[in-house]
């Protein structure tokens, strides 16, 4: 008891000491909390800025819920002919500069396929009179009876090609015809046509040894890939647009092995509206899409890089569809389990390494196109330029469409 009482005896000095300590605590604790809070906020801001810098330059395209094209509905019951006249007049100075000259004629139209706005044909533009030169072209034609809204959209597509497609690896515009229906966009033709069909034709073993289709090596794949990456770097890095469907079917190839990107409809839509309609985006087969595009409906440079990796696979296998052993619905679950396509035959380690870098699950771990161009250039010295690419498997169009998950 005595000891307990003794421990409870405080002197005046003891009280002053404890009081000062409490006052110090009252001051120190809030200061400590304030400093900790500021440090925490600073860390959050630092991480946010770091992430922003890491993502800076990515063109992020949000998919809209409904189609952005009017399809003529905005004109209601207005007379179709009168509506088209009001669209075509007064004349657009830009389109006037690109009108097909009166001394040139379009000849020998050969139907290739049906496009979004109408027929796509191969033809020749020949000069008359003093100008006797001829040029192989691709014609995109809007039907004469097209709705007024389609006319407006098609004119915007023409202007997109004129204003944006000024790069050696994007499809080249020659002229247009917009004074009266049918409207036409006249593009440069590439002698070997569509890259996917060219790859399929290169599988044939009965071609003459002098045929350029036999001159496909791994080295050629590197060269073509650099050109495609250059076109995408210009479109995405400089113009802040997207392609949306990077695949062999949207590359045109010439006999000198130069290539140009085509299939720029989604880029044209984004150029006009800054968003992409869900219906348009859904036209791309799932097997070419990055995981985040499937799940989050976002298109960025990094998701285009994923598709570029699929294009590399198409080229080195001479046009084989990706994930040949998987149904389209099984692709995403397989990717989530970190499974990737195995290294194809005749694909060197350097090229396969680039493909795998394009297929990182985390988008920010994938290279940009500017980095891919440098990587392809530096690694091309190791590519095989002697052994011709071979694929003895026959592949008809129906089989390809089924495996690739294409919708008729």
Foldseek 3Di string as FASTA:
>chain_A
DVVVVVVPDDDPVRVVVVVVVVVVCVVPVVVVVVVVVVVVVVVVVVVVVVVCVLCPQKQKFFADAADPFPQQVVVPPPDQVVLQVVVPPPDDPVQVVFADDPQKDWDDWDWDDADPQGTKTWTKIAGPDPGGDIAIKIKDKHAQPGGSSSLNLVVLVLVCQVPQVPDQAAWHWRGWHRNHPGTITITHAAPQFQQLVLLQVLQDPPDPPPQLSQQAFQLLLLVALLSVLVVQCSLCRVVVFHQLADASRQWTAHSVSRIHGHNRPQRSVCVVPVHHHPVVNVQHFLQLFALCCVVVVIDIQLRVLLSSLQRSVCRLQSRAAPPQVDQSVCPNVCVVVVDDDDQDPSHDPLSVVLSVLSRDNDSSSHDGSVVVSVSSVVCSVVTDSPDGRHDNDNDDPVNRCRSNVHDD
